[in-house]
Amino acid sequence: MLERHLAAAPESAYIGTESVPVETLADLIAQRFPSGAPRFALKIDTQGFEGDVLDGLGAQIEHCTAVVLEMPLAPYMPTRRTCRPCSPSW
């Protein structure tokens, strides 16, 4: 995390790391709905990984009717991207 973030919120300092399995939403939706996904809304709050989650939707984004997300407008982690212009397919 960036120094300015740590200075503003020292209680958010890292205390450890943990490895976890990762699966894309596209794969998860395809497994759960093999005949095709229904329409769905998506809420995302992933501490700087919102863009990665949206990227992981792949073609399933066509079934997504709404997205609610908390996304930083200014960087607080050195390698995470912030809000960027997009051109949705719908």
N, C-alpha and C. Protein backbone atom coordinates (compact mmCIF):
# COMPACT_ATOMS: atom_id res chain seq x y z
N MET A 1 0.84 -1.17 0.00
CA MET A 1 0.00 0.00 0.00
C MET A 1 0.88 1.23 0.00
N LEU A 2 0.35 2.31 -0.53
CA LEU A 2 1.13 3.53 -0.62
C LEU A 2 1.30 4.17 0.75
N GLU A 3 2.42 4.87 0.94
CA GLU A 3 2.71 5.51 2.22
C GLU A 3 1.61 6.47 2.65
N ARG A 4 1.05 7.22 1.68
CA ARG A 4 0.01 8.19 2.05
C ARG A 4 -1.24 7.49 2.58
N HIS A 5 -1.53 6.31 2.07
CA HIS A 5 -2.67 5.55 2.59
C HIS A 5 -2.39 5.07 4.00
N LEU A 6 -1.21 4.54 4.21
CA LEU A 6 -0.83 4.06 5.54
C LEU A 6 -0.80 5.20 6.55
N ALA A 7 -0.34 6.37 6.13
CA ALA A 7 -0.30 7.53 7.02
C ALA A 7 -1.72 7.97 7.40
N ALA A 8 -2.64 7.89 6.46
CA ALA A 8 -4.02 8.30 6.72
C ALA A 8 -4.80 7.27 7.52
N ALA A 9 -4.43 6.00 7.38
CA ALA A 9 -5.16 4.92 8.06
C ALA A 9 -4.17 3.87 8.55
N PRO A 10 -3.40 4.18 9.60
CA PRO A 10 -2.38 3.24 10.07
C PRO A 10 -2.93 1.88 10.50
N GLU A 11 -4.20 1.83 10.87
CA GLU A 11 -4.81 0.56 11.28
C GLU A 11 -4.98 -0.40 10.11
N SER A 12 -4.76 0.09 8.89
CA SER A 12 -4.90 -0.78 7.71
C SER A 12 -3.58 -1.40 7.29
N ALA A 13 -2.57 -1.33 8.13
CA ALA A 13 -1.26 -1.90 7.80
C ALA A 13 -1.37 -3.41 7.62
N TYR A 14 -0.54 -3.94 6.73
CA TYR A 14 -0.49 -5.38 6.51
C TYR A 14 -0.02 -6.08 7.78
N ILE A 15 -0.62 -7.22 8.08
CA ILE A 15 -0.17 -8.01 9.22
C ILE A 15 0.25 -9.41 8.79
N GLY A 16 0.06 -9.75 7.53
CA GLY A 16 0.45 -11.07 7.03
C GLY A 16 -0.06 -11.27 5.62
N THR A 17 0.24 -12.42 5.08
CA THR A 17 -0.25 -12.78 3.75
C THR A 17 -0.84 -14.18 3.81
N GLU A 18 -1.66 -14.48 2.84
CA GLU A 18 -2.29 -15.79 2.76
C GLU A 18 -2.54 -16.11 1.30
N SER A 19 -2.24 -17.31 0.89
CA SER A 19 -2.52 -17.76 -0.48
C SER A 19 -3.92 -18.35 -0.54
N VAL A 20 -4.65 -17.97 -1.57
CA VAL A 20 -6.01 -18.48 -1.76
C VAL A 20 -6.22 -18.84 -3.22
N PRO A 21 -7.08 -19.81 -3.51
CA PRO A 21 -7.37 -20.13 -4.91
C PRO A 21 -8.19 -19.00 -5.53
N VAL A 22 -7.99 -18.78 -6.82
CA VAL A 22 -8.71 -17.73 -7.54
C VAL A 22 -9.39 -18.35 -8.75
N GLU A 23 -10.63 -17.94 -8.98
CA GLU A 23 -11.40 -18.42 -10.12
C GLU A 23 -12.09 -17.22 -10.75
N THR A 24 -12.16 -17.17 -12.05
CA THR A 24 -12.84 -16.05 -12.69
C THR A 24 -14.35 -16.21 -12.55
N LEU A 25 -15.05 -15.09 -12.57
CA LEU A 25 -16.51 -15.15 -12.54
C LEU A 25 -17.06 -15.85 -13.77
N ALA A 26 -16.40 -15.67 -14.91
CA ALA A 26 -16.86 -16.34 -16.14
C ALA A 26 -16.86 -17.86 -15.94
N ASP A 27 -15.79 -18.39 -15.38
CA ASP A 27 -15.72 -19.84 -15.13
C ASP A 27 -16.74 -20.28 -14.09
N LEU A 28 -16.87 -19.51 -13.02
CA LEU A 28 -17.81 -19.84 -11.96
C LEU A 28 -19.25 -19.85 -12.49
N ILE A 29 -19.60 -18.84 -13.26
CA ILE A 29 -20.96 -18.77 -13.83
C ILE A 29 -21.21 -19.91 -14.81
N ALA A 30 -20.22 -20.21 -15.64
CA ALA A 30 -20.37 -21.31 -16.61
C ALA A 30 -20.56 -22.64 -15.89
N GLN A 31 -19.86 -22.86 -14.79
CA GLN A 31 -20.01 -24.11 -14.02
C GLN A 31 -21.37 -24.18 -13.35
N ARG A 32 -21.81 -23.06 -12.80
CA ARG A 32 -23.07 -23.03 -12.05
C ARG A 32 -24.29 -23.09 -12.98
N PHE A 33 -24.17 -22.51 -14.16
CA PHE A 33 -25.28 -22.45 -15.11
C PHE A 33 -24.85 -23.00 -16.46
N PRO A 34 -24.66 -24.32 -16.59
CA PRO A 34 -24.16 -24.90 -17.83
C PRO A 34 -25.08 -24.67 -19.04
N SER A 35 -26.36 -24.43 -18.81
CA SER A 35 -27.30 -24.19 -19.92
C SER A 35 -27.36 -22.72 -20.31
N GLY A 36 -26.62 -21.89 -19.62
CA GLY A 36 -26.64 -20.46 -19.89
C GLY A 36 -27.02 -19.68 -18.65
N ALA A 37 -26.34 -18.59 -18.45
CA ALA A 37 -26.56 -17.79 -17.26
C ALA A 37 -27.83 -16.96 -17.37
N PRO A 38 -28.56 -16.81 -16.25
CA PRO A 38 -29.69 -15.89 -16.23
C PRO A 38 -29.15 -14.45 -16.10
N ARG A 39 -30.01 -13.49 -16.19
CA ARG A 39 -29.63 -12.11 -15.92
C ARG A 39 -29.26 -12.00 -14.45
N PHE A 40 -28.29 -11.16 -14.15
CA PHE A 40 -27.88 -10.98 -12.76
C PHE A 40 -27.32 -9.59 -12.54
N ALA A 41 -27.33 -9.16 -11.28
CA ALA A 41 -26.67 -7.92 -10.86
C ALA A 41 -25.42 -8.32 -10.09
N LEU A 42 -24.44 -7.46 -10.09
CA LEU A 42 -23.16 -7.78 -9.48
C LEU A 42 -22.73 -6.66 -8.55
N LYS A 43 -22.37 -7.00 -7.32
CA LYS A 43 -21.82 -6.04 -6.36
C LYS A 43 -20.37 -6.41 -6.11
N ILE A 44 -19.47 -5.46 -6.27
CA ILE A 44 -18.03 -5.73 -6.14
C ILE A 44 -17.41 -4.76 -5.14
N ASP A 45 -16.69 -5.29 -4.17
CA ASP A 45 -15.87 -4.50 -3.25
C ASP A 45 -14.66 -5.35 -2.93
N THR A 46 -13.61 -5.20 -3.72
CA THR A 46 -12.48 -6.12 -3.63
C THR A 46 -11.15 -5.41 -3.37
N GLN A 47 -11.21 -4.25 -2.73
CA GLN A 47 -10.01 -3.54 -2.28
C GLN A 47 -8.97 -3.35 -3.37
N GLY A 48 -9.39 -2.78 -4.47
CA GLY A 48 -8.46 -2.46 -5.53
C GLY A 48 -8.39 -3.46 -6.67
N PHE A 49 -9.14 -4.54 -6.57
CA PHE A 49 -9.12 -5.56 -7.62
C PHE A 49 -10.40 -5.54 -8.46
N GLU A 50 -11.15 -4.44 -8.40
CA GLU A 50 -12.43 -4.35 -9.10
C GLU A 50 -12.26 -4.55 -10.61
N GLY A 51 -11.25 -3.93 -11.18
CA GLY A 51 -11.00 -4.08 -12.62
C GLY A 51 -10.71 -5.51 -13.00
N ASP A 52 -9.97 -6.23 -12.15
CA ASP A 52 -9.68 -7.64 -12.41
C ASP A 52 -10.95 -8.48 -12.37
N VAL A 53 -11.84 -8.17 -11.42
CA VAL A 53 -13.11 -8.89 -11.32
C VAL A 53 -13.93 -8.66 -12.59
N LEU A 54 -14.03 -7.41 -13.01
CA LEU A 54 -14.79 -7.11 -14.24
C LEU A 54 -14.16 -7.78 -15.45
N ASP A 55 -12.84 -7.76 -15.54
CA ASP A 55 -12.16 -8.46 -16.65
C ASP A 55 -12.49 -9.95 -16.64
N GLY A 56 -12.60 -10.52 -15.43
CA GLY A 56 -12.87 -11.95 -15.28
C GLY A 56 -14.29 -12.35 -15.64
N LEU A 57 -15.16 -11.39 -15.89
CA LEU A 57 -16.52 -11.72 -16.33
C LEU A 57 -16.53 -12.21 -17.76
N GLY A 58 -15.59 -11.76 -18.57
CA GLY A 58 -15.55 -12.17 -19.97
C GLY A 58 -16.88 -11.91 -20.66
N ALA A 59 -17.32 -12.84 -21.48
CA ALA A 59 -18.57 -12.70 -22.23
C ALA A 59 -19.80 -12.74 -21.33
N GLN A 60 -19.63 -13.21 -20.09
CA GLN A 60 -20.76 -13.27 -19.15
C GLN A 60 -21.30 -11.88 -18.83
N ILE A 61 -20.52 -10.85 -19.11
CA ILE A 61 -20.98 -9.48 -18.84
C ILE A 61 -22.27 -9.17 -19.61
N GLU A 62 -22.51 -9.90 -20.70
CA GLU A 62 -23.74 -9.71 -21.46
C GLU A 62 -24.99 -10.04 -20.64
N HIS A 63 -24.84 -10.86 -19.61
CA HIS A 63 -25.97 -11.24 -18.76
C HIS A 63 -26.11 -10.32 -17.54
N CYS A 64 -25.16 -9.45 -17.35
CA CYS A 64 -25.14 -8.58 -16.17
C CYS A 64 -25.97 -7.33 -16.44
N THR A 65 -27.00 -7.12 -15.63
CA THR A 65 -27.89 -5.98 -15.84
C THR A 65 -27.50 -4.76 -15.01
N ALA A 66 -26.74 -4.97 -13.96
CA ALA A 66 -26.33 -3.85 -13.11
C ALA A 66 -25.04 -4.21 -12.38
N VAL A 67 -24.21 -3.20 -12.16
CA VAL A 67 -22.99 -3.37 -11.38
C VAL A 67 -22.93 -2.27 -10.35
N VAL A 68 -22.77 -2.67 -9.10
CA VAL A 68 -22.54 -1.73 -8.01
C VAL A 68 -21.14 -2.01 -7.52
N LEU A 69 -20.29 -0.98 -7.53
CA LEU A 69 -18.94 -1.24 -7.07
C LEU A 69 -18.37 -0.08 -6.30
N GLU A 70 -17.52 -0.44 -5.38
CA GLU A 70 -16.72 0.52 -4.64
C GLU A 70 -15.33 0.42 -5.24
N MET A 71 -14.87 1.52 -5.84
CA MET A 71 -13.60 1.49 -6.54
C MET A 71 -12.84 2.77 -6.26
N PRO A 72 -11.56 2.67 -5.96
CA PRO A 72 -10.80 3.87 -5.66
C PRO A 72 -10.62 4.76 -6.89
N LEU A 73 -10.76 6.05 -6.69
CA LEU A 73 -10.51 7.00 -7.77
C LEU A 73 -9.06 7.48 -7.73
N ALA A 74 -8.39 7.23 -6.62
CA ALA A 74 -6.97 7.54 -6.48
C ALA A 74 -6.28 6.27 -6.00
N PRO A 75 -5.08 6.01 -6.48
CA PRO A 75 -4.40 4.77 -6.07
C PRO A 75 -4.04 4.76 -4.60
N TYR A 76 -4.17 3.61 -3.98
CA TYR A 76 -3.70 3.44 -2.61
C TYR A 76 -2.82 2.20 -2.47
N MET A 77 -2.71 1.44 -3.54
CA MET A 77 -1.81 0.30 -3.58
C MET A 77 -0.93 0.47 -4.81
N PRO A 78 0.34 0.17 -4.72
CA PRO A 78 1.25 0.51 -5.81
C PRO A 78 0.98 -0.16 -7.15
N THR A 79 0.43 -1.35 -7.19
CA THR A 79 0.27 -2.04 -8.47
C THR A 79 -1.17 -2.12 -8.95
N ARG A 80 -2.09 -1.57 -8.23
CA ARG A 80 -3.50 -1.66 -8.62
C ARG A 80 -3.86 -0.50 -9.52
N ARG A 81 -4.72 -0.74 -10.47
CA ARG A 81 -5.18 0.32 -11.36
C ARG A 81 -6.38 1.02 -10.74
N THR A 82 -6.68 2.20 -11.23
CA THR A 82 -7.83 2.95 -10.75
C THR A 82 -8.87 3.01 -11.85
N CYS A 83 -9.92 3.74 -11.62
CA CYS A 83 -11.00 3.87 -12.59
C CYS A 83 -10.44 4.30 -13.94
N ARG A 84 -10.88 3.65 -14.99
CA ARG A 84 -10.41 3.98 -16.32
C ARG A 84 -11.60 4.07 -17.26
N PRO A 85 -11.49 4.86 -18.30
CA PRO A 85 -12.60 4.92 -19.27
C PRO A 85 -12.84 3.55 -19.89
N CYS A 86 -14.07 3.26 -20.20
CA CYS A 86 -14.37 1.99 -20.84
C CYS A 86 -15.44 2.21 -21.91
N SER A 87 -15.58 1.24 -22.75
CA SER A 87 -16.64 1.30 -23.76
C SER A 87 -17.42 0.01 -23.66
N PRO A 88 -18.48 0.01 -22.84
CA PRO A 88 -19.25 -1.22 -22.66
C PRO A 88 -19.86 -1.69 -23.97
N SER A 89 -20.08 -2.99 -24.05
CA SER A 89 -20.59 -3.58 -25.28
C SER A 89 -22.10 -3.46 -25.41
N TRP A 90 -22.76 -3.00 -24.40
CA TRP A 90 -24.22 -2.92 -24.50
C TRP A 90 -24.62 -1.60 -24.95
